[in-house]
């Protein structure tokens, strides 16, 4: 879900983040005066608990990042202003916390990975206010979620289907789960992660889904009937290892986890094509999985999938500047250097 926030000074943010962006095309940018307490002074990285095994990150209207644990299903809240935080939801055995989104209702919608479930949390109390068993636990991986209309839509990396559940506090159960098989151009490959990250299309009616493996494709999907149309890429052969997605206007940020980069595309009006603008790389990236936007920054969690998870394994999140193209008008910074 795209959430608009007050934008801090672009120049100050760029000076505070150690990101490198390789330009494919360039454009123009505008600057605004920072507020009295400038977010440009906020930390550009913050730690997570040792052994946490993070995957999903979500940010709402307030300056707090919520990060979920693959290992325990716990949710950690970090204050973007200070980088400090703590666990707000302890999780449950066998129910991971994967992709997540903060709704306008203030609730946190969480994909349950291999458990085949989804949860809705009140992040203030940590209480589970709704839970759904979307599918069986075997042969499925509920990976990411986007809020569109009156439903939260979840992807399943191991099955060609979307799951939709009502927004808000509901009775716990599966009777309200809407299952929509994917069809059209969609290609499902056995034994690999297919559908992964999901965001809304610019017109507010469709979804954009990335299929991570084995080729790496983007699709526009109609959640009403599951019809998927492949989005033609220009300037890039694929988005292999595509994971989290962030869209701002017609600019689409695709996190490519094991590739340690974020590819930035410009969508056409109908989301039929995506033209590569640049790639964001950063020496602090260590298999970033998902991202969330606040102000002029993109916050990413380092999932460290190539590092064996141990109780003392360190984890954290980093912030990079959005750079050019992060608006409805498509203006761009061009090359952004540390």
C-alpha atoms as a PDB file:
ATOM      1  CA  UNK A   1       0.000   0.000   0.000  1.00  0.00           C
ATOM      2  CA  UNK A   2       1.328   3.418  -0.871  1.00  0.00           C
ATOM      3  CA  UNK A   3       1.208   5.807   2.068  1.00  0.00           C
ATOM      4  CA  UNK A   4       2.100   9.435   1.636  1.00  0.00           C
ATOM      5  CA  UNK A   5       4.144  11.192   4.306  1.00  0.00           C
ATOM      6  CA  UNK A   6       5.611  14.680   4.690  1.00  0.00           C
ATOM      7  CA  UNK A   7       8.826  14.777   2.674  1.00  0.00           C
ATOM      8  CA  UNK A   8      12.044  15.998   4.362  1.00  0.00           C
ATOM      9  CA  UNK A   9      14.778  17.831   2.496  1.00  0.00           C
ATOM     10  CA  UNK A  10      16.029  15.637  -0.340  1.00  0.00           C
ATOM     11  CA  UNK A  11      19.526  17.164  -0.169  1.00  0.00           C
ATOM     12  CA  UNK A  12      19.842  16.525   3.560  1.00  0.00           C
ATOM     13  CA  UNK A  13      18.686  12.960   3.258  1.00  0.00           C
ATOM     14  CA  UNK A  14      21.131  12.225   0.470  1.00  0.00           C
ATOM     15  CA  UNK A  15      23.965  13.568   2.580  1.00  0.00           C
ATOM     16  CA  UNK A  16      22.960  11.307   5.479  1.00  0.00           C
ATOM     17  CA  UNK A  17      22.671   7.947   3.714  1.00  0.00           C
ATOM     18  CA  UNK A  18      25.516   5.912   2.255  1.00  0.00           C
ATOM     19  CA  UNK A  19      23.762   4.729  -0.873  1.00  0.00           C
ATOM     20  CA  UNK A  20      25.016   4.455  -4.431  1.00  0.00           C
ATOM     21  CA  UNK A  21      22.579   4.578  -7.326  1.00  0.00           C
ATOM     22  CA  UNK A  22      23.612   3.702 -10.872  1.00  0.00           C
ATOM     23  CA  UNK A  23      21.612   5.809 -13.312  1.00  0.00           C
ATOM     24  CA  UNK A  24      19.953   4.470 -16.444  1.00  0.00           C
ATOM     25  CA  UNK A  25      18.141   7.702 -17.186  1.00  0.00           C
ATOM     26  CA  UNK A  26      18.197  11.103 -15.506  1.00  0.00           C
ATOM     27  CA  UNK A  27      15.727  13.841 -14.780  1.00  0.00           C
ATOM     28  CA  UNK A  28      15.085  16.786 -12.524  1.00  0.00           C
ATOM     29  CA  UNK A  29      14.290  17.092  -8.826  1.00  0.00           C
ATOM     30  CA  UNK A  30      12.825  19.631  -6.460  1.00  0.00           C
ATOM     31  CA  UNK A  31      13.681  20.336  -2.830  1.00  0.00           C
ATOM     32  CA  UNK A  32      11.607  21.438   0.130  1.00  0.00           C
ATOM     33  CA  UNK A  33      12.688  23.053   3.372  1.00  0.00           C
ATOM     34  CA  UNK A  34      13.016  20.553   6.250  1.00  0.00           C
ATOM     35  CA  UNK A  35      10.786  20.824   9.301  1.00  0.00           C
ATOM     36  CA  UNK A  36      12.216  22.093  12.579  1.00  0.00           C
ATOM     37  CA  UNK A  37      13.148  18.554  13.715  1.00  0.00           C
ATOM     38  CA  UNK A  38      14.582  17.324  10.429  1.00  0.00           C
ATOM     39  CA  UNK A  39      14.180  13.601   9.647  1.00  0.00           C
ATOM     40  CA  UNK A  40      17.504  13.979   7.826  1.00  0.00           C
ATOM     41  CA  UNK A  41      19.126  13.676  11.255  1.00  0.00           C
ATOM     42  CA  UNK A  42      17.449  10.342  11.971  1.00  0.00           C
ATOM     43  CA  UNK A  43      19.719   7.274  11.910  1.00  0.00           C
ATOM     44  CA  UNK A  44      20.175   5.508   8.576  1.00  0.00           C
ATOM     45  CA  UNK A  45      20.538   2.103  10.185  1.00  0.00           C
ATOM     46  CA  UNK A  46      19.213   0.428  13.305  1.00  0.00           C
ATOM     47  CA  UNK A  47      19.847  -2.936  14.945  1.00  0.00           C
ATOM     48  CA  UNK A  48      17.408  -5.785  15.451  1.00  0.00           C
ATOM     49  CA  UNK A  49      17.658  -8.416  18.177  1.00  0.00           C
ATOM     50  CA  UNK A  50      20.347 -11.052  17.717  1.00  0.00           C
ATOM     51  CA  UNK A  51      18.959 -14.215  16.164  1.00  0.00           C
ATOM     52  CA  UNK A  52      15.759 -12.429  15.070  1.00  0.00           C
ATOM     53  CA  UNK A  53      15.759 -13.631  11.420  1.00  0.00           C
ATOM     54  CA  UNK A  54      13.851 -10.645   9.930  1.00  0.00           C
ATOM     55  CA  UNK A  55      11.971 -10.725   6.627  1.00  0.00           C
ATOM     56  CA  UNK A  56       9.090  -8.242   6.397  1.00  0.00           C
ATOM     57  CA  UNK A  57       8.990  -4.542   7.225  1.00  0.00           C
ATOM     58  CA  UNK A  58       6.019  -2.167   7.332  1.00  0.00           C
ATOM     59  CA  UNK A  59       5.694   1.551   8.085  1.00  0.00           C
ATOM     60  CA  UNK A  60       2.454   3.459   8.460  1.00  0.00           C
ATOM     61  CA  UNK A  61       1.755   7.164   8.931  1.00  0.00           C
ATOM     62  CA  UNK A  62       3.775   7.372  12.166  1.00  0.00           C
ATOM     63  CA  UNK A  63       7.595   7.098  12.236  1.00  0.00           C
ATOM     64  CA  UNK A  64       7.707   3.493  13.407  1.00  0.00           C
ATOM     65  CA  UNK A  65       8.952   0.459  11.495  1.00  0.00           C
ATOM     66  CA  UNK A  66       7.490  -2.963  12.228  1.00  0.00           C
ATOM     67  CA  UNK A  67       9.714  -5.938  11.424  1.00  0.00           C
ATOM     68  CA  UNK A  68       8.625  -9.578  11.542  1.00  0.00           C
ATOM     69  CA  UNK A  69      10.632 -12.673  12.485  1.00  0.00           C
ATOM     70  CA  UNK A  70      10.770 -15.787  10.314  1.00  0.00           C
ATOM     71  CA  UNK A  71      11.948 -17.773  13.298  1.00  0.00           C
ATOM     72  CA  UNK A  72       9.399 -16.976  16.000  1.00  0.00           C
ATOM     73  CA  UNK A  73       6.681 -14.877  14.351  1.00  0.00           C
ATOM     74  CA  UNK A  74       7.540 -12.007  16.692  1.00  0.00           C
ATOM     75  CA  UNK A  75       7.107  -8.384  15.627  1.00  0.00           C
ATOM     76  CA  UNK A  76       9.647  -5.737  16.589  1.00  0.00           C
ATOM     77  CA  UNK A  77       8.863  -2.018  16.525  1.00  0.00           C
ATOM     78  CA  UNK A  78      11.666   0.501  15.906  1.00  0.00           C
ATOM     79  CA  UNK A  79      11.366   4.270  16.290  1.00  0.00           C
ATOM     80  CA  UNK A  80      12.782   5.765  13.088  1.00  0.00           C
ATOM     81  CA  UNK A  81      13.743   8.937  14.956  1.00  0.00           C
ATOM     82  CA  UNK A  82      16.121   7.128  17.323  1.00  0.00           C
ATOM     83  CA  UNK A  83      16.644   3.625  15.965  1.00  0.00           C
ATOM     84  CA  UNK A  84      15.601   2.158  19.310  1.00  0.00           C
ATOM     85  CA  UNK A  85      12.746  -0.269  19.788  1.00  0.00           C
ATOM     86  CA  UNK A  86      11.425  -3.472  21.262  1.00  0.00           C
ATOM     87  CA  UNK A  87       9.240  -6.512  20.640  1.00  0.00           C
ATOM     88  CA  UNK A  88       5.522  -5.647  20.564  1.00  0.00           C
ATOM     89  CA  UNK A  89       4.226  -9.119  19.652  1.00  0.00           C
ATOM     90  CA  UNK A  90       5.892 -12.274  20.957  1.00  0.00           C
ATOM     91  CA  UNK A  91       4.722 -14.517  18.118  1.00  0.00           C
ATOM     92  CA  UNK A  92       3.667 -18.143  18.229  1.00  0.00           C
ATOM     93  CA  UNK A  93       5.462 -21.413  17.583  1.00  0.00           C
ATOM     94  CA  UNK A  94       5.263 -22.503  13.963  1.00  0.00           C
ATOM     95  CA  UNK A  95       3.710 -19.255  12.700  1.00  0.00           C
ATOM     96  CA  UNK A  96       6.358 -17.052  11.018  1.00  0.00           C
ATOM     97  CA  UNK A  97       5.914 -13.347  10.355  1.00  0.00           C
ATOM     98  CA  UNK A  98       6.802 -12.706   6.713  1.00  0.00           C
ATOM     99  CA  UNK A  99       5.452  -9.786   4.608  1.00  0.00           C
ATOM    100  CA  UNK A 100       3.328  -7.221   6.422  1.00  0.00           C
ATOM    101  CA  UNK A 101       1.458  -3.950   5.904  1.00  0.00           C
ATOM    102  CA  UNK A 102       0.055  -1.268   8.203  1.00  0.00           C
ATOM    103  CA  UNK A 103      -3.529  -0.353   7.314  1.00  0.00           C
ATOM    104  CA  UNK A 104      -5.249   2.986   7.612  1.00  0.00           C
ATOM    105  CA  UNK A 105      -7.116   1.374  10.502  1.00  0.00           C
ATOM    106  CA  UNK A 106      -3.808   1.208  12.392  1.00  0.00           C
ATOM    107  CA  UNK A 107      -3.772  -2.593  12.297  1.00  0.00           C
ATOM    108  CA  UNK A 108      -0.878  -4.723  11.104  1.00  0.00           C
ATOM    109  CA  UNK A 109      -1.611  -7.414   8.507  1.00  0.00           C
ATOM    110  CA  UNK A 110       0.940 -10.244   8.591  1.00  0.00           C
ATOM    111  CA  UNK A 111       1.611 -13.136   6.169  1.00  0.00           C
ATOM    112  CA  UNK A 112       2.256 -16.433   7.908  1.00  0.00           C
ATOM    113  CA  UNK A 113       4.684 -18.187   5.571  1.00  0.00           C
ATOM    114  CA  UNK A 114       4.674 -21.977   5.717  1.00  0.00           C
ATOM    115  CA  UNK A 115       1.886 -22.045   8.293  1.00  0.00           C
ATOM    116  CA  UNK A 116      -0.570 -21.132   5.502  1.00  0.00           C
ATOM    117  CA  UNK A 117      -2.132 -18.500   7.743  1.00  0.00           C
ATOM    118  CA  UNK A 118      -2.562 -14.744   8.093  1.00  0.00           C
ATOM    119  CA  UNK A 119      -2.876 -12.614  11.211  1.00  0.00           C
ATOM    120  CA  UNK A 120      -4.137  -9.135  11.980  1.00  0.00           C
ATOM    121  CA  UNK A 121      -2.407  -7.484  14.943  1.00  0.00           C
ATOM    122  CA  UNK A 122      -3.057  -4.415  17.023  1.00  0.00           C
ATOM    123  CA  UNK A 123       0.534  -3.135  17.146  1.00  0.00           C
ATOM    124  CA  UNK A 124      -0.153  -1.001  20.206  1.00  0.00           C
ATOM    125  CA  UNK A 125      -1.142  -3.927  22.393  1.00  0.00           C
ATOM    126  CA  UNK A 126       0.424  -6.777  20.428  1.00  0.00           C
ATOM    127  CA  UNK A 127      -2.938  -8.552  20.434  1.00  0.00           C
ATOM    128  CA  UNK A 128      -4.032 -10.800  17.566  1.00  0.00           C
ATOM    129  CA  UNK A 129      -7.413  -9.320  16.627  1.00  0.00           C
ATOM    130  CA  UNK A 130      -8.117 -11.658  13.693  1.00  0.00           C
ATOM    131  CA  UNK A 131      -6.599 -14.826  12.271  1.00  0.00           C
ATOM    132  CA  UNK A 132      -7.259 -16.794   9.110  1.00  0.00           C
ATOM    133  CA  UNK A 133      -6.166 -20.217   7.914  1.00  0.00           C
ATOM    134  CA  UNK A 134      -5.804 -19.385   4.246  1.00  0.00           C
ATOM    135  CA  UNK A 135      -4.693 -22.816   3.082  1.00  0.00           C
ATOM    136  CA  UNK A 136      -3.065 -26.002   4.288  1.00  0.00           C
ATOM    137  CA  UNK A 137       0.367 -25.803   5.845  1.00  0.00           C
ATOM    138  CA  UNK A 138       1.882 -28.313   3.411  1.00  0.00           C
ATOM    139  CA  UNK A 139       3.070 -27.141  -0.011  1.00  0.00           C
ATOM    140  CA  UNK A 140       2.318 -23.452   0.567  1.00  0.00           C
ATOM    141  CA  UNK A 141       4.176 -20.319   1.637  1.00  0.00           C
ATOM    142  CA  UNK A 142       2.064 -17.220   2.332  1.00  0.00           C
ATOM    143  CA  UNK A 143       4.643 -14.559   1.548  1.00  0.00           C
ATOM    144  CA  UNK A 144       3.425 -10.967   1.259  1.00  0.00           C
ATOM    145  CA  UNK A 145       0.332  -8.804   1.573  1.00  0.00           C
ATOM    146  CA  UNK A 146      -1.177  -5.652   0.082  1.00  0.00           C
ATOM    147  CA  UNK A 147      -4.331  -3.811   1.153  1.00  0.00           C
ATOM    148  CA  UNK A 148      -6.661  -2.989  -1.725  1.00  0.00           C
ATOM    149  CA  UNK A 149     -10.289  -1.908  -1.409  1.00  0.00           C
ATOM    150  CA  UNK A 150     -11.888  -3.705   1.517  1.00  0.00           C
ATOM    151  CA  UNK A 151      -9.497  -6.673   1.563  1.00  0.00           C
ATOM    152  CA  UNK A 152      -5.963  -7.689   2.375  1.00  0.00           C
ATOM    153  CA  UNK A 153      -4.503  -9.726  -0.501  1.00  0.00           C
ATOM    154  CA  UNK A 154      -1.826 -12.342   0.233  1.00  0.00           C
ATOM    155  CA  UNK A 155       0.534 -14.096  -2.197  1.00  0.00           C
ATOM    156  CA  UNK A 156       1.470 -17.774  -2.022  1.00  0.00           C
ATOM    157  CA  UNK A 157       4.962 -18.507  -3.341  1.00  0.00           C
ATOM    158  CA  UNK A 158       4.242 -22.207  -3.801  1.00  0.00           C
ATOM    159  CA  UNK A 159       0.765 -22.049  -5.339  1.00  0.00           C
ATOM    160  CA  UNK A 160      -0.782 -19.976  -8.146  1.00  0.00           C
ATOM    161  CA  UNK A 161      -3.443 -18.311  -6.011  1.00  0.00           C
ATOM    162  CA  UNK A 162      -4.186 -15.052  -4.187  1.00  0.00           C
ATOM    163  CA  UNK A 163      -6.020 -14.999  -0.866  1.00  0.00           C
ATOM    164  CA  UNK A 164      -8.221 -12.061   0.140  1.00  0.00           C
ATOM    165  CA  UNK A 165      -9.514 -11.456   3.671  1.00  0.00           C
ATOM    166  CA  UNK A 166     -11.665  -8.580   4.964  1.00  0.00           C
ATOM    167  CA  UNK A 167      -9.939  -5.609   6.505  1.00  0.00           C
ATOM    168  CA  UNK A 168     -10.437  -4.836  10.154  1.00  0.00           C
ATOM    169  CA  UNK A 169     -11.221  -6.789  13.286  1.00  0.00           C
ATOM    170  CA  UNK A 170     -13.034  -9.994  12.415  1.00  0.00           C
ATOM    171  CA  UNK A 171     -13.979 -13.210  14.066  1.00  0.00           C
ATOM    172  CA  UNK A 172     -11.206 -15.783  13.778  1.00  0.00           C
ATOM    173  CA  UNK A 173     -11.867 -18.285  11.038  1.00  0.00           C
ATOM    174  CA  UNK A 174     -11.559 -19.058   7.348  1.00  0.00           C
ATOM    175  CA  UNK A 175     -15.128 -18.517   6.145  1.00  0.00           C
ATOM    176  CA  UNK A 176     -14.376 -15.067   4.760  1.00  0.00           C
ATOM    177  CA  UNK A 177     -11.250 -16.084   2.839  1.00  0.00           C
ATOM    178  CA  UNK A 178     -11.532 -15.447  -0.906  1.00  0.00           C
ATOM    179  CA  UNK A 179      -9.277 -17.690  -3.025  1.00  0.00           C
ATOM    180  CA  UNK A 180      -8.513 -16.422  -6.530  1.00  0.00           C
ATOM    181  CA  UNK A 181      -6.468 -18.729  -8.833  1.00  0.00           C
ATOM    182  CA  UNK A 182      -3.914 -16.972 -11.037  1.00  0.00           C
ATOM    183  CA  UNK A 183      -4.357 -17.401 -14.800  1.00  0.00           C
ATOM    184  CA  UNK A 184      -3.569 -15.624 -18.068  1.00  0.00           C
ATOM    185  CA  UNK A 185       0.177 -15.051 -18.532  1.00  0.00           C
ATOM    186  CA  UNK A 186       1.035 -16.404 -15.083  1.00  0.00           C
ATOM    187  CA  UNK A 187       3.668 -19.156 -15.108  1.00  0.00           C
ATOM    188  CA  UNK A 188       3.923 -21.351 -12.029  1.00  0.00           C
ATOM    189  CA  UNK A 189       7.136 -23.361 -11.662  1.00  0.00           C
ATOM    190  CA  UNK A 190       7.211 -26.284  -9.177  1.00  0.00           C
ATOM    191  CA  UNK A 191       9.538 -26.379  -6.163  1.00  0.00           C
ATOM    192  CA  UNK A 192      10.677 -22.737  -6.273  1.00  0.00           C
ATOM    193  CA  UNK A 193       9.345 -19.481  -4.878  1.00  0.00           C
ATOM    194  CA  UNK A 194       7.068 -17.943  -7.489  1.00  0.00           C
ATOM    195  CA  UNK A 195       4.735 -15.142  -6.306  1.00  0.00           C
ATOM    196  CA  UNK A 196       6.469 -13.000  -3.728  1.00  0.00           C
ATOM    197  CA  UNK A 197       6.053  -9.242  -3.194  1.00  0.00           C
ATOM    198  CA  UNK A 198       2.809  -7.462  -4.039  1.00  0.00           C
ATOM    199  CA  UNK A 199       1.713  -3.802  -4.310  1.00  0.00           C
ATOM    200  CA  UNK A 200      -1.205  -1.961  -5.851  1.00  0.00           C
ATOM    201  CA  UNK A 201      -1.164  -0.816  -9.472  1.00  0.00           C
ATOM    202  CA  UNK A 202      -1.193   2.961 -10.081  1.00  0.00           C
ATOM    203  CA  UNK A 203      -4.842   2.937 -11.193  1.00  0.00           C
ATOM    204  CA  UNK A 204      -5.933   1.596  -7.804  1.00  0.00           C
ATOM    205  CA  UNK A 205      -7.756  -1.392  -9.289  1.00  0.00           C
ATOM    206  CA  UNK A 206      -5.112  -4.043  -9.879  1.00  0.00           C
ATOM    207  CA  UNK A 207      -2.137  -5.594  -8.126  1.00  0.00           C
ATOM    208  CA  UNK A 208       1.481  -5.865  -9.211  1.00  0.00           C
ATOM    209  CA  UNK A 209       3.103  -9.170  -8.223  1.00  0.00           C
ATOM    210  CA  UNK A 210       6.732 -10.206  -8.630  1.00  0.00           C
ATOM    211  CA  UNK A 211       7.559 -13.835  -9.379  1.00  0.00           C
ATOM    212  CA  UNK A 212      11.019 -14.425  -7.945  1.00  0.00           C
ATOM    213  CA  UNK A 213      12.148 -17.665  -9.534  1.00  0.00           C
ATOM    214  CA  UNK A 214      13.401 -19.065 -11.772  1.00  0.00           C
ATOM    215  CA  UNK A 215      13.351 -16.164 -14.262  1.00  0.00           C
ATOM    216  CA  UNK A 216      12.081 -13.140 -12.330  1.00  0.00           C
ATOM    217  CA  UNK A 217       8.963 -11.527 -13.817  1.00  0.00           C
ATOM    218  CA  UNK A 218       6.493  -8.772 -12.956  1.00  0.00           C
ATOM    219  CA  UNK A 219       2.758  -9.214 -13.496  1.00  0.00           C
ATOM    220  CA  UNK A 220      -0.282  -6.998 -13.253  1.00  0.00           C
ATOM    221  CA  UNK A 221      -3.067  -9.075 -11.671  1.00  0.00           C
ATOM    222  CA  UNK A 222      -6.799  -8.417 -11.474  1.00  0.00           C
ATOM    223  CA  UNK A 223      -7.835  -9.667  -8.005  1.00  0.00           C
ATOM    224  CA  UNK A 224     -11.429 -10.083  -9.134  1.00  0.00           C
ATOM    225  CA  UNK A 225     -10.681 -12.993 -11.481  1.00  0.00           C
ATOM    226  CA  UNK A 226      -6.950 -13.666 -11.107  1.00  0.00           C
ATOM    227  CA  UNK A 227      -6.113 -12.702 -14.686  1.00  0.00           C
ATOM    228  CA  UNK A 228      -2.378 -11.943 -14.850  1.00  0.00           C
ATOM    229  CA  UNK A 229      -0.685  -9.967 -17.593  1.00  0.00           C
ATOM    230  CA  UNK A 230       3.097  -9.981 -17.748  1.00  0.00           C
ATOM    231  CA  UNK A 231       4.640  -6.518 -17.482  1.00  0.00           C
ATOM    232  CA  UNK A 232       7.225  -6.077 -20.215  1.00  0.00           C
ATOM    233  CA  UNK A 233      10.610  -4.939 -18.896  1.00  0.00           C
ATOM    234  CA  UNK A 234      12.709  -2.370 -20.726  1.00  0.00           C
ATOM    235  CA  UNK A 235      16.365  -1.985 -19.857  1.00  0.00           C
ATOM    236  CA  UNK A 236      16.441  -5.156 -17.741  1.00  0.00           C
ATOM    237  CA  UNK A 237      16.217  -8.805 -18.716  1.00  0.00           C
ATOM    238  CA  UNK A 238      14.489  -9.864 -15.496  1.00  0.00           C
ATOM    239  CA  UNK A 239      14.002  -9.204 -11.786  1.00  0.00           C
ATOM    240  CA  UNK A 240      15.318 -12.524 -10.539  1.00  0.00           C
ATOM    241  CA  UNK A 241      15.339 -12.771  -6.736  1.00  0.00           C
ATOM    242  CA  UNK A 242      12.568 -10.153  -6.695  1.00  0.00           C
ATOM    243  CA  UNK A 243      11.163  -9.858  -3.181  1.00  0.00           C
ATOM    244  CA  UNK A 244       9.603  -6.777  -1.603  1.00  0.00           C
ATOM    245  CA  UNK A 245       7.913  -4.135  -3.759  1.00  0.00           C
ATOM    246  CA  UNK A 246       7.303  -0.445  -3.078  1.00  0.00           C
ATOM    247  CA  UNK A 247       5.371   1.788  -5.486  1.00  0.00           C
ATOM    248  CA  UNK A 248       5.219   5.579  -5.365  1.00  0.00           C
ATOM    249  CA  UNK A 249       3.100   7.000  -8.142  1.00  0.00           C
ATOM    250  CA  UNK A 250       4.326   5.204 -11.262  1.00  0.00           C
ATOM    251  CA  UNK A 251       7.776   4.484  -9.830  1.00  0.00           C
ATOM    252  CA  UNK A 252       8.250   0.877  -8.754  1.00  0.00           C
ATOM    253  CA  UNK A 253      11.064  -0.233  -6.443  1.00  0.00           C
ATOM    254  CA  UNK A 254      11.882  -3.967  -6.701  1.00  0.00           C
ATOM    255  CA  UNK A 255      14.081  -5.408  -3.944  1.00  0.00           C
ATOM    256  CA  UNK A 256      16.195  -8.249  -5.372  1.00  0.00           C
ATOM    257  CA  UNK A 257      17.342  -9.992  -2.225  1.00  0.00           C
ATOM    258  CA  UNK A 258      20.294 -12.270  -3.084  1.00  0.00           C
ATOM    259  CA  UNK A 259      21.314  -9.840  -5.829  1.00  0.00           C
ATOM    260  CA  UNK A 260      21.827  -7.174  -3.112  1.00  0.00           C
ATOM    261  CA  UNK A 261      20.186  -4.380  -5.054  1.00  0.00           C
ATOM    262  CA  UNK A 262      16.964  -2.468  -5.659  1.00  0.00           C
ATOM    263  CA  UNK A 263      15.878  -1.982  -9.261  1.00  0.00           C
ATOM    264  CA  UNK A 264      13.847   1.171  -9.901  1.00  0.00           C
ATOM    265  CA  UNK A 265      11.353   1.097 -12.772  1.00  0.00           C
ATOM    266  CA  UNK A 266       9.010   3.631 -14.351  1.00  0.00           C
ATOM    267  CA  UNK A 267       5.611   2.101 -15.146  1.00  0.00           C
ATOM    268  CA  UNK A 268       3.560   3.256 -18.090  1.00  0.00           C
ATOM    269  CA  UNK A 269      -0.009   4.442 -17.528  1.00  0.00           C
ATOM    270  CA  UNK A 270      -1.536   0.968 -17.802  1.00  0.00           C
ATOM    271  CA  UNK A 271       1.275  -0.915 -16.029  1.00  0.00           C
ATOM    272  CA  UNK A 272       1.940  -2.806 -19.262  1.00  0.00           C
ATOM    273  CA  UNK A 273       5.639  -1.930 -19.373  1.00  0.00           C
ATOM    274  CA  UNK A 274       8.288  -1.073 -16.794  1.00  0.00           C
ATOM    275  CA  UNK A 275      11.378   0.867 -17.894  1.00  0.00           C
ATOM    276  CA  UNK A 276      14.484   0.576 -15.746  1.00  0.00           C
ATOM    277  CA  UNK A 277      15.625   3.954 -14.440  1.00  0.00           C
ATOM    278  CA  UNK A 278      18.516   2.945 -12.197  1.00  0.00           C
ATOM    279  CA  UNK A 279      19.667   0.417  -9.624  1.00  0.00           C
ATOM    280  CA  UNK A 280      20.327   1.211  -5.971  1.00  0.00           C
ATOM    281  CA  UNK A 281      23.236  -0.617  -4.367  1.00  0.00           C
ATOM    282  CA  UNK A 282      24.739  -0.071  -0.941  1.00  0.00           C
ATOM    283  CA  UNK A 283      27.711  -1.683   0.865  1.00  0.00           C
ATOM    284  CA  UNK A 284      25.453  -2.204   3.893  1.00  0.00           C
ATOM    285  CA  UNK A 285      23.067  -4.498   1.971  1.00  0.00           C
ATOM    286  CA  UNK A 286      23.249  -8.118   3.170  1.00  0.00           C
ATOM    287  CA  UNK A 287      20.443  -9.895   1.298  1.00  0.00           C
ATOM    288  CA  UNK A 288      17.744  -7.220   1.806  1.00  0.00           C
ATOM    289  CA  UNK A 289      14.330  -8.850   1.610  1.00  0.00           C
ATOM    290  CA  UNK A 290      11.625  -6.186   1.857  1.00  0.00           C
ATOM    291  CA  UNK A 291      11.336  -2.416   2.022  1.00  0.00           C
ATOM    292  CA  UNK A 292       9.009   0.315   3.246  1.00  0.00           C
ATOM    293  CA  UNK A 293       8.985   4.013   2.521  1.00  0.00           C
ATOM    294  CA  UNK A 294       8.887   6.915   4.965  1.00  0.00           C
ATOM    295  CA  UNK A 295       9.422  10.454   3.718  1.00  0.00           C
ATOM    296  CA  UNK A 296      12.361  10.557   1.312  1.00  0.00           C
ATOM    297  CA  UNK A 297      13.834   7.293   2.495  1.00  0.00           C
ATOM    298  CA  UNK A 298      13.469   3.615   1.738  1.00  0.00           C
ATOM    299  CA  UNK A 299      13.990   1.358   4.763  1.00  0.00           C
ATOM    300  CA  UNK A 300      15.156  -2.208   4.070  1.00  0.00           C
ATOM    301  CA  UNK A 301      15.727  -5.183   6.360  1.00  0.00           C
ATOM    302  CA  UNK A 302      18.832  -7.312   5.871  1.00  0.00           C
ATOM    303  CA  UNK A 303      17.504 -10.870   5.983  1.00  0.00           C
ATOM    304  CA  UNK A 304      21.031 -12.337   5.615  1.00  0.00           C
ATOM    305  CA  UNK A 305      19.693 -15.492   3.955  1.00  0.00           C
ATOM    306  CA  UNK A 306      23.234 -16.561   3.008  1.00  0.00           C
ATOM    307  CA  UNK A 307      24.357 -16.484   6.661  1.00  0.00           C
ATOM    308  CA  UNK A 308      23.458 -19.534   8.797  1.00  0.00           C
ATOM    309  CA  UNK A 309      20.991 -18.301  11.455  1.00  0.00           C
ATOM    310  CA  UNK A 310      22.308 -18.735  14.983  1.00  0.00           C
ATOM    311  CA  UNK A 311      21.085 -17.302  18.308  1.00  0.00           C
ATOM    312  CA  UNK A 312      23.897 -14.740  18.233  1.00  0.00           C
ATOM    313  CA  UNK A 313      23.608 -13.805  14.520  1.00  0.00           C
ATOM    314  CA  UNK A 314      23.307 -10.031  14.200  1.00  0.00           C
ATOM    315  CA  UNK A 315      20.586  -8.396  12.111  1.00  0.00           C
ATOM    316  CA  UNK A 316      19.545  -4.865  11.255  1.00  0.00           C
ATOM    317  CA  UNK A 317      17.796  -2.482   8.882  1.00  0.00           C
ATOM    318  CA  UNK A 318      19.213   0.301   6.725  1.00  0.00           C
ATOM    319  CA  UNK A 319      17.800   3.416   5.081  1.00  0.00           C
ATOM    320  CA  UNK A 320      18.700   4.705   1.624  1.00  0.00           C
ATOM    321  CA  UNK A 321      17.437   7.809  -0.165  1.00  0.00           C
ATOM    322  CA  UNK A 322      14.646   7.319  -2.653  1.00  0.00           C
ATOM    323  CA  UNK A 323      16.590   9.345  -5.196  1.00  0.00           C
ATOM    324  CA  UNK A 324      14.891  10.442  -8.406  1.00  0.00           C
ATOM    325  CA  UNK A 325      11.600   9.215  -9.747  1.00  0.00           C
ATOM    326  CA  UNK A 326       9.944   8.755  -6.373  1.00  0.00           C
ATOM    327  CA  UNK A 327       6.954  10.936  -7.141  1.00  0.00           C
ATOM    328  CA  UNK A 328       3.910  11.062  -9.379  1.00  0.00           C
ATOM    329  CA  UNK A 329       5.665  13.302 -11.847  1.00  0.00           C
ATOM    330  CA  UNK A 330       8.634  11.017 -12.421  1.00  0.00           C
ATOM    331  CA  UNK A 331      11.346  13.578 -11.695  1.00  0.00           C
ATOM    332  CA  UNK A 332      14.749  12.051 -11.047  1.00  0.00           C
ATOM    333  CA  UNK A 333      17.992  12.810  -9.243  1.00  0.00           C
ATOM    334  CA  UNK A 334      20.047  10.879 -11.754  1.00  0.00           C
ATOM    335  CA  UNK A 335      23.231   9.569 -10.143  1.00  0.00           C
ATOM    336  CA  UNK A 336      23.209   9.544  -6.346  1.00  0.00           C
ATOM    337  CA  UNK A 337      26.527   9.003  -4.633  1.00  0.00           C
ATOM    338  CA  UNK A 338      27.565   8.741  -1.016  1.00  0.00           C
END
